[in-house]
Amino acid sequence: MLDYMFPFWASLIGLVTAQALKPVIHYLKFKEWDIWTAKDSGGFPSSHSALVTALTTAVGLREGFSSSLFAVVASFSLIVIYDAANVRYYSGQNIKLTQQIAKDFLDHTDNKYDSPIYHSRMKDILGHRWFEVLGGMVWGVIVAMAIYYFNTR
């Protein structure tokens, strides 16, 4: 019998392990270790998608895929997944554009703007591409299914 906290633990483990995979993926892609990618939002896999997909899968396994609770969790998970792939992604694109406009403005004017706002770098990777979101979703399902399997044997 699975503990009532199974969905919580599955989602937490999904989140933490997805973040822990980011330095490994970075190494495989660039052949250099950057442990700090584990704290970044954005990138592959999406930890937000892993968290909500693990939660949704765990609730479905524990309470049933036709339960009202599963329907509620799945609905909110879709909102988070959509937000990770669209709203947050385009916010990051907006930051890149704004930074470029500020740079062009400073480069093409004789005025000296000493305000730190013109010289500060903002994080421009906030969201995910759909491939990264899909990777997080697959990872979330794998985590929830693995925990379920090892706790029901």
N, C-alpha and C. Protein backbone atom coordinates (compact mmCIF):
# COMPACT_ATOMS: atom_id res chain seq x y z
N MET A 1 0.85 -1.19 0.00
CA MET A 1 0.00 0.00 0.00
C MET A 1 0.89 1.25 0.00
N LEU A 2 0.59 2.16 -0.89
CA LEU A 2 1.38 3.37 -0.98
C LEU A 2 0.94 4.39 0.06
N ASP A 3 1.90 5.06 0.61
CA ASP A 3 1.67 6.12 1.57
C ASP A 3 0.89 7.27 0.90
N TYR A 4 0.12 8.00 1.68
CA TYR A 4 -0.62 9.14 1.15
C TYR A 4 0.30 10.24 0.64
N MET A 5 1.54 10.24 1.12
CA MET A 5 2.51 11.24 0.68
C MET A 5 3.23 10.86 -0.61
N PHE A 6 2.90 9.72 -1.19
CA PHE A 6 3.53 9.27 -2.42
C PHE A 6 3.53 10.35 -3.51
N PRO A 7 2.40 11.01 -3.80
CA PRO A 7 2.43 12.05 -4.83
C PRO A 7 3.39 13.20 -4.50
N PHE A 8 3.44 13.59 -3.25
CA PHE A 8 4.37 14.66 -2.86
C PHE A 8 5.81 14.23 -3.08
N TRP A 9 6.16 13.03 -2.59
CA TRP A 9 7.54 12.57 -2.74
C TRP A 9 7.91 12.36 -4.20
N ALA A 10 6.99 11.84 -4.98
CA ALA A 10 7.27 11.64 -6.41
C ALA A 10 7.53 12.98 -7.10
N SER A 11 6.71 13.98 -6.79
CA SER A 11 6.90 15.29 -7.42
C SER A 11 8.20 15.95 -6.96
N LEU A 12 8.52 15.85 -5.69
CA LEU A 12 9.75 16.43 -5.17
C LEU A 12 10.98 15.75 -5.78
N ILE A 13 10.95 14.43 -5.84
CA ILE A 13 12.07 13.69 -6.44
C ILE A 13 12.17 14.00 -7.93
N GLY A 14 11.04 14.14 -8.61
CA GLY A 14 11.05 14.53 -10.02
C GLY A 14 11.71 15.87 -10.23
N LEU A 15 11.38 16.84 -9.38
CA LEU A 15 11.96 18.18 -9.46
C LEU A 15 13.47 18.15 -9.20
N VAL A 16 13.87 17.53 -8.11
CA VAL A 16 15.28 17.53 -7.71
C VAL A 16 16.14 16.78 -8.72
N THR A 17 15.67 15.63 -9.17
CA THR A 17 16.47 14.86 -10.12
C THR A 17 16.53 15.53 -11.49
N ALA A 18 15.46 16.20 -11.90
CA ALA A 18 15.49 16.94 -13.17
C ALA A 18 16.53 18.06 -13.10
N GLN A 19 16.58 18.77 -11.97
CA GLN A 19 17.60 19.81 -11.80
C GLN A 19 18.99 19.19 -11.75
N ALA A 20 19.13 18.03 -11.11
CA ALA A 20 20.43 17.37 -11.01
C ALA A 20 20.92 16.87 -12.37
N LEU A 21 20.00 16.59 -13.29
CA LEU A 21 20.38 16.15 -14.63
C LEU A 21 20.97 17.27 -15.48
N LYS A 22 20.65 18.51 -15.16
CA LYS A 22 21.08 19.63 -16.00
C LYS A 22 22.60 19.74 -16.14
N PRO A 23 23.40 19.59 -15.08
CA PRO A 23 24.86 19.61 -15.28
C PRO A 23 25.35 18.44 -16.15
N VAL A 24 24.72 17.30 -16.02
CA VAL A 24 25.10 16.13 -16.83
C VAL A 24 24.80 16.41 -18.30
N ILE A 25 23.61 16.92 -18.58
CA ILE A 25 23.24 17.27 -19.95
C ILE A 25 24.19 18.34 -20.50
N HIS A 26 24.52 19.32 -19.67
CA HIS A 26 25.45 20.38 -20.07
C HIS A 26 26.81 19.77 -20.44
N TYR A 27 27.27 18.82 -19.64
CA TYR A 27 28.56 18.18 -19.93
C TYR A 27 28.50 17.41 -21.25
N LEU A 28 27.44 16.65 -21.45
CA LEU A 28 27.31 15.87 -22.68
C LEU A 28 27.25 16.77 -23.92
N LYS A 29 26.67 17.94 -23.76
CA LYS A 29 26.51 18.86 -24.88
C LYS A 29 27.77 19.68 -25.15
N PHE A 30 28.43 20.16 -24.08
CA PHE A 30 29.55 21.09 -24.25
C PHE A 30 30.91 20.53 -23.83
N LYS A 31 30.93 19.31 -23.29
CA LYS A 31 32.16 18.66 -22.84
C LYS A 31 32.88 19.45 -21.74
N GLU A 32 32.11 20.14 -20.91
CA GLU A 32 32.66 20.82 -19.74
C GLU A 32 31.61 20.78 -18.64
N TRP A 33 32.10 20.63 -17.41
CA TRP A 33 31.20 20.59 -16.27
C TRP A 33 30.85 22.00 -15.82
N ASP A 34 29.58 22.20 -15.58
CA ASP A 34 29.11 23.46 -14.99
C ASP A 34 28.03 23.09 -13.98
N ILE A 35 28.47 22.87 -12.76
CA ILE A 35 27.57 22.43 -11.70
C ILE A 35 26.47 23.44 -11.43
N TRP A 36 26.73 24.72 -11.76
CA TRP A 36 25.77 25.79 -11.47
C TRP A 36 24.53 25.71 -12.35
N THR A 37 24.56 24.92 -13.42
CA THR A 37 23.35 24.77 -14.23
C THR A 37 22.25 24.06 -13.45
N ALA A 38 22.62 23.40 -12.36
CA ALA A 38 21.62 22.72 -11.52
C ALA A 38 20.69 23.71 -10.83
N LYS A 39 21.10 24.94 -10.70
CA LYS A 39 20.24 25.93 -10.04
C LYS A 39 19.45 26.78 -11.05
N ASP A 40 19.72 26.60 -12.33
CA ASP A 40 19.09 27.43 -13.36
C ASP A 40 17.67 26.99 -13.67
N SER A 41 16.84 27.99 -13.97
CA SER A 41 15.55 27.67 -14.59
C SER A 41 15.81 27.65 -16.09
N GLY A 42 14.96 27.00 -16.82
CA GLY A 42 15.20 26.83 -18.24
C GLY A 42 16.12 25.66 -18.47
N GLY A 43 16.25 25.26 -19.71
CA GLY A 43 17.13 24.15 -20.05
C GLY A 43 16.43 22.80 -20.03
N PHE A 44 17.20 21.78 -20.37
CA PHE A 44 16.67 20.41 -20.47
C PHE A 44 17.13 19.60 -19.28
N PRO A 45 16.22 18.87 -18.66
CA PRO A 45 14.76 18.84 -18.83
C PRO A 45 14.09 19.91 -17.98
N SER A 46 12.87 20.22 -18.31
CA SER A 46 12.11 21.19 -17.52
C SER A 46 11.75 20.58 -16.17
N SER A 47 12.27 21.17 -15.10
CA SER A 47 11.97 20.64 -13.76
C SER A 47 10.53 20.96 -13.36
N HIS A 48 9.99 22.07 -13.87
CA HIS A 48 8.59 22.39 -13.59
C HIS A 48 7.68 21.30 -14.18
N SER A 49 7.97 20.92 -15.42
CA SER A 49 7.18 19.88 -16.07
C SER A 49 7.38 18.53 -15.40
N ALA A 50 8.61 18.25 -14.98
CA ALA A 50 8.88 16.99 -14.27
C ALA A 50 8.09 16.93 -12.97
N LEU A 51 8.08 18.03 -12.22
CA LEU A 51 7.37 18.08 -10.95
C LEU A 51 5.88 17.82 -11.14
N VAL A 52 5.24 18.58 -12.03
CA VAL A 52 3.78 18.45 -12.16
C VAL A 52 3.38 17.15 -12.84
N THR A 53 4.21 16.65 -13.74
CA THR A 53 3.89 15.37 -14.38
C THR A 53 4.07 14.21 -13.41
N ALA A 54 5.11 14.26 -12.58
CA ALA A 54 5.28 13.23 -11.55
C ALA A 54 4.11 13.28 -10.57
N LEU A 55 3.70 14.48 -10.18
CA LEU A 55 2.56 14.63 -9.27
C LEU A 55 1.29 14.07 -9.90
N THR A 56 1.02 14.43 -11.13
CA THR A 56 -0.18 13.97 -11.82
C THR A 56 -0.18 12.45 -11.98
N THR A 57 0.95 11.91 -12.39
CA THR A 57 1.06 10.45 -12.55
C THR A 57 0.88 9.74 -11.22
N ALA A 58 1.51 10.25 -10.17
CA ALA A 58 1.41 9.64 -8.84
C ALA A 58 -0.02 9.68 -8.32
N VAL A 59 -0.69 10.81 -8.50
CA VAL A 59 -2.09 10.90 -8.07
C VAL A 59 -2.94 9.92 -8.86
N GLY A 60 -2.69 9.81 -10.15
CA GLY A 60 -3.43 8.85 -10.97
C GLY A 60 -3.20 7.42 -10.52
N LEU A 61 -1.96 7.08 -10.22
CA LEU A 61 -1.65 5.72 -9.76
C LEU A 61 -2.24 5.44 -8.38
N ARG A 62 -2.23 6.44 -7.52
CA ARG A 62 -2.69 6.26 -6.14
C ARG A 62 -4.20 6.32 -6.00
N GLU A 63 -4.81 7.33 -6.64
CA GLU A 63 -6.24 7.58 -6.46
C GLU A 63 -7.09 7.07 -7.62
N GLY A 64 -6.45 6.78 -8.74
CA GLY A 64 -7.17 6.34 -9.92
C GLY A 64 -7.20 7.44 -10.98
N PHE A 65 -7.04 7.03 -12.22
CA PHE A 65 -7.00 8.01 -13.31
C PHE A 65 -8.38 8.56 -13.66
N SER A 66 -9.42 8.02 -13.06
CA SER A 66 -10.77 8.57 -13.28
C SER A 66 -11.27 9.33 -12.06
N SER A 67 -10.40 9.58 -11.09
CA SER A 67 -10.82 10.29 -9.87
C SER A 67 -10.90 11.80 -10.12
N SER A 68 -11.69 12.44 -9.29
CA SER A 68 -11.80 13.90 -9.36
C SER A 68 -10.47 14.56 -9.03
N LEU A 69 -9.75 14.00 -8.08
CA LEU A 69 -8.46 14.57 -7.69
C LEU A 69 -7.47 14.54 -8.86
N PHE A 70 -7.47 13.44 -9.61
CA PHE A 70 -6.60 13.36 -10.78
C PHE A 70 -6.97 14.44 -11.79
N ALA A 71 -8.26 14.65 -12.00
CA ALA A 71 -8.71 15.67 -12.96
C ALA A 71 -8.25 17.07 -12.55
N VAL A 72 -8.34 17.37 -11.26
CA VAL A 72 -7.91 18.68 -10.76
C VAL A 72 -6.40 18.84 -10.94
N VAL A 73 -5.64 17.84 -10.52
CA VAL A 73 -4.18 17.92 -10.62
C VAL A 73 -3.74 18.00 -12.08
N ALA A 74 -4.36 17.21 -12.94
CA ALA A 74 -4.01 17.24 -14.36
C ALA A 74 -4.31 18.61 -14.98
N SER A 75 -5.42 19.21 -14.59
CA SER A 75 -5.77 20.54 -15.11
C SER A 75 -4.74 21.58 -14.72
N PHE A 76 -4.37 21.61 -13.46
CA PHE A 76 -3.36 22.58 -13.03
C PHE A 76 -1.99 22.27 -13.61
N SER A 77 -1.70 21.00 -13.82
CA SER A 77 -0.43 20.63 -14.45
C SER A 77 -0.34 21.17 -15.87
N LEU A 78 -1.44 21.11 -16.60
CA LEU A 78 -1.45 21.65 -17.96
C LEU A 78 -1.17 23.15 -17.97
N ILE A 79 -1.69 23.86 -16.97
CA ILE A 79 -1.43 25.30 -16.87
C ILE A 79 0.06 25.55 -16.64
N VAL A 80 0.66 24.79 -15.72
CA VAL A 80 2.09 24.96 -15.42
C VAL A 80 2.94 24.62 -16.65
N ILE A 81 2.59 23.54 -17.33
CA ILE A 81 3.34 23.12 -18.52
C ILE A 81 3.23 24.17 -19.62
N TYR A 82 2.03 24.66 -19.85
CA TYR A 82 1.84 25.71 -20.85
C TYR A 82 2.65 26.96 -20.49
N ASP A 83 2.61 27.33 -19.22
CA ASP A 83 3.34 28.50 -18.75
C ASP A 83 4.85 28.32 -18.95
N ALA A 84 5.37 27.14 -18.64
CA ALA A 84 6.81 26.87 -18.78
C ALA A 84 7.25 27.01 -20.23
N ALA A 85 6.40 26.55 -21.15
CA ALA A 85 6.79 26.53 -22.56
C ALA A 85 6.46 27.81 -23.31
N ASN A 86 5.49 28.55 -22.85
CA ASN A 86 5.07 29.72 -23.61
C ASN A 86 5.31 31.03 -22.87
N VAL A 87 4.60 31.26 -21.80
CA VAL A 87 4.67 32.55 -21.11
C VAL A 87 6.09 32.84 -20.65
N ARG A 88 6.70 31.90 -19.94
CA ARG A 88 8.05 32.13 -19.42
C ARG A 88 9.07 32.18 -20.55
N TYR A 89 8.90 31.38 -21.60
CA TYR A 89 9.83 31.40 -22.72
C TYR A 89 9.82 32.77 -23.39
N TYR A 90 8.63 33.28 -23.67
CA TYR A 90 8.54 34.57 -24.36
C TYR A 90 8.93 35.73 -23.45
N SER A 91 8.80 35.57 -22.15
CA SER A 91 9.33 36.58 -21.23
C SER A 91 10.85 36.66 -21.37
N GLY A 92 11.49 35.52 -21.49
CA GLY A 92 12.94 35.48 -21.70
C GLY A 92 13.34 36.13 -23.02
N GLN A 93 12.55 35.88 -24.07
CA GLN A 93 12.82 36.51 -25.36
C GLN A 93 12.66 38.02 -25.27
N ASN A 94 11.66 38.46 -24.51
CA ASN A 94 11.44 39.89 -24.31
C ASN A 94 12.63 40.53 -23.59
N ILE A 95 13.18 39.84 -22.61
CA ILE A 95 14.35 40.36 -21.90
C ILE A 95 15.53 40.50 -22.86
N LYS A 96 15.75 39.51 -23.72
CA LYS A 96 16.85 39.60 -24.69
C LYS A 96 16.68 40.82 -25.60
N LEU A 97 15.46 41.03 -26.08
CA LEU A 97 15.19 42.17 -26.95
C LEU A 97 15.41 43.49 -26.21
N THR A 98 14.91 43.58 -24.99
CA THR A 98 15.08 44.80 -24.20
C THR A 98 16.55 45.09 -23.94
N GLN A 99 17.32 44.06 -23.64
CA GLN A 99 18.76 44.25 -23.41
C GLN A 99 19.46 44.74 -24.68
N GLN A 100 19.05 44.21 -25.83
CA GLN A 100 19.66 44.64 -27.09
C GLN A 100 19.31 46.09 -27.39
N ILE A 101 18.06 46.47 -27.14
CA ILE A 101 17.64 47.86 -27.37
C ILE A 101 18.44 48.80 -26.46
N ALA A 102 18.60 48.43 -25.19
CA ALA A 102 19.38 49.27 -24.25
C ALA A 102 20.82 49.37 -24.71
N LYS A 103 21.41 48.27 -25.17
CA LYS A 103 22.80 48.29 -25.66
C LYS A 103 22.92 49.19 -26.88
N ASP A 104 22.01 49.02 -27.84
CA ASP A 104 22.04 49.86 -29.04
C ASP A 104 21.87 51.33 -28.69
N PHE A 105 20.99 51.62 -27.76
CA PHE A 105 20.76 52.99 -27.32
C PHE A 105 22.03 53.59 -26.73
N LEU A 106 22.69 52.84 -25.86
CA LEU A 106 23.92 53.33 -25.24
C LEU A 106 25.05 53.49 -26.25
N ASP A 107 25.11 52.56 -27.22
CA ASP A 107 26.17 52.61 -28.22
C ASP A 107 26.01 53.77 -29.21
N HIS A 108 24.79 54.24 -29.41
CA HIS A 108 24.52 55.24 -30.44
C HIS A 108 24.13 56.62 -29.90
N THR A 109 24.40 56.86 -28.66
CA THR A 109 24.13 58.19 -28.10
C THR A 109 25.40 58.73 -27.46
N ASP A 110 25.47 60.03 -27.42
CA ASP A 110 26.61 60.68 -26.78
C ASP A 110 26.39 60.84 -25.28
N ASN A 111 25.17 60.67 -24.86
CA ASN A 111 24.85 60.82 -23.44
C ASN A 111 25.43 59.64 -22.66
N LYS A 112 25.86 59.91 -21.49
CA LYS A 112 26.36 58.85 -20.61
C LYS A 112 25.30 58.55 -19.57
N TYR A 113 24.80 57.37 -19.62
CA TYR A 113 23.79 56.95 -18.66
C TYR A 113 24.47 56.07 -17.63
N ASP A 114 24.59 56.58 -16.44
CA ASP A 114 25.30 55.86 -15.40
C ASP A 114 24.39 55.01 -14.52
N SER A 115 23.12 55.07 -14.78
CA SER A 115 22.20 54.28 -13.97
C SER A 115 22.52 52.79 -14.15
N PRO A 116 22.56 52.04 -13.06
CA PRO A 116 22.87 50.61 -13.16
C PRO A 116 21.86 49.83 -14.00
N ILE A 117 20.67 50.36 -14.16
CA ILE A 117 19.65 49.64 -14.93
C ILE A 117 20.10 49.44 -16.38
N TYR A 118 20.89 50.38 -16.89
CA TYR A 118 21.35 50.27 -18.27
C TYR A 118 22.51 49.29 -18.42
N HIS A 119 23.15 48.96 -17.35
CA HIS A 119 24.35 48.13 -17.42
C HIS A 119 24.20 46.77 -16.75
N SER A 120 23.06 46.54 -16.15
CA SER A 120 22.87 45.25 -15.47
C SER A 120 22.42 44.19 -16.47
N ARG A 121 22.85 42.98 -16.21
CA ARG A 121 22.44 41.85 -17.05
C ARG A 121 21.34 41.09 -16.33
N MET A 122 20.26 40.91 -17.03
CA MET A 122 19.16 40.13 -16.47
C MET A 122 19.24 38.72 -17.02
N LYS A 123 18.73 37.80 -16.26
CA LYS A 123 18.67 36.41 -16.71
C LYS A 123 17.70 36.35 -17.88
N ASP A 124 18.15 35.82 -19.00
CA ASP A 124 17.28 35.81 -20.17
C ASP A 124 16.76 34.42 -20.54
N ILE A 125 17.13 33.41 -19.76
CA ILE A 125 16.57 32.08 -19.99
C ILE A 125 15.62 31.80 -18.84
N LEU A 126 14.36 32.05 -19.07
CA LEU A 126 13.36 31.87 -18.03
C LEU A 126 12.51 30.63 -18.28
N GLY A 127 12.22 30.36 -19.52
CA GLY A 127 11.30 29.29 -19.86
C GLY A 127 11.98 28.21 -20.68
N HIS A 128 11.16 27.46 -21.38
CA HIS A 128 11.64 26.27 -22.08
C HIS A 128 11.12 26.21 -23.51
N ARG A 129 11.87 25.50 -24.33
CA ARG A 129 11.35 25.09 -25.63
C ARG A 129 10.49 23.85 -25.38
N TRP A 130 9.64 23.53 -26.33
CA TRP A 130 8.73 22.39 -26.14
C TRP A 130 9.49 21.08 -25.95
N PHE A 131 10.64 20.93 -26.59
CA PHE A 131 11.44 19.72 -26.42
C PHE A 131 11.88 19.56 -24.97
N GLU A 132 12.27 20.65 -24.34
CA GLU A 132 12.69 20.62 -22.93
C GLU A 132 11.52 20.29 -22.01
N VAL A 133 10.36 20.83 -22.35
CA VAL A 133 9.14 20.55 -21.57
C VAL A 133 8.78 19.07 -21.71
N LEU A 134 8.83 18.56 -22.94
CA LEU A 134 8.52 17.15 -23.17
C LEU A 134 9.50 16.26 -22.41
N GLY A 135 10.78 16.62 -22.39
CA GLY A 135 11.77 15.87 -21.62
C GLY A 135 11.43 15.83 -20.15
N GLY A 136 11.00 16.97 -19.60
CA GLY A 136 10.57 17.02 -18.20
C GLY A 136 9.34 16.18 -17.94
N MET A 137 8.42 16.19 -18.88
CA MET A 137 7.20 15.38 -18.72
C MET A 137 7.53 13.89 -18.71
N VAL A 138 8.37 13.47 -19.65
CA VAL A 138 8.78 12.06 -19.70
C VAL A 138 9.51 11.69 -18.41
N TRP A 139 10.40 12.56 -17.95
CA TRP A 139 11.14 12.29 -16.72
C TRP A 139 10.19 12.18 -15.53
N GLY A 140 9.21 13.05 -15.44
CA GLY A 140 8.24 13.00 -14.35
C GLY A 140 7.47 11.69 -14.31
N VAL A 141 7.06 11.21 -15.48
CA VAL A 141 6.35 9.93 -15.55
C VAL A 141 7.27 8.79 -15.12
N ILE A 142 8.51 8.80 -15.60
CA ILE A 142 9.48 7.76 -15.23
C ILE A 142 9.69 7.72 -13.72
N VAL A 143 9.88 8.89 -13.11
CA VAL A 143 10.11 8.96 -11.66
C VAL A 143 8.92 8.41 -10.89
N ALA A 144 7.72 8.87 -11.22
CA ALA A 144 6.52 8.41 -10.51
C ALA A 144 6.30 6.91 -10.69
N MET A 145 6.49 6.42 -11.91
CA MET A 145 6.30 4.98 -12.17
C MET A 145 7.36 4.15 -11.43
N ALA A 146 8.59 4.63 -11.39
CA ALA A 146 9.65 3.89 -10.69
C ALA A 146 9.37 3.82 -9.20
N ILE A 147 8.98 4.94 -8.60
CA ILE A 147 8.66 4.94 -7.17
C ILE A 147 7.47 4.03 -6.90
N TYR A 148 6.48 4.09 -7.74
CA TYR A 148 5.29 3.24 -7.60
C TYR A 148 5.68 1.77 -7.69
N TYR A 149 6.48 1.44 -8.70
CA TYR A 149 6.89 0.06 -8.92
C TYR A 149 7.66 -0.49 -7.72
N PHE A 150 8.63 0.27 -7.22
CA PHE A 150 9.47 -0.22 -6.12
C PHE A 150 8.75 -0.22 -4.78
N ASN A 151 7.65 0.50 -4.67
CA ASN A 151 6.89 0.50 -3.42
C ASN A 151 5.71 -0.46 -3.42
N THR A 152 5.42 -1.07 -4.54
CA THR A 152 4.31 -2.02 -4.60
C THR A 152 4.77 -3.44 -4.86
N ARG A 153 6.05 -3.66 -4.84
CA ARG A 153 6.58 -5.02 -5.08
C ARG A 153 6.46 -5.86 -3.86
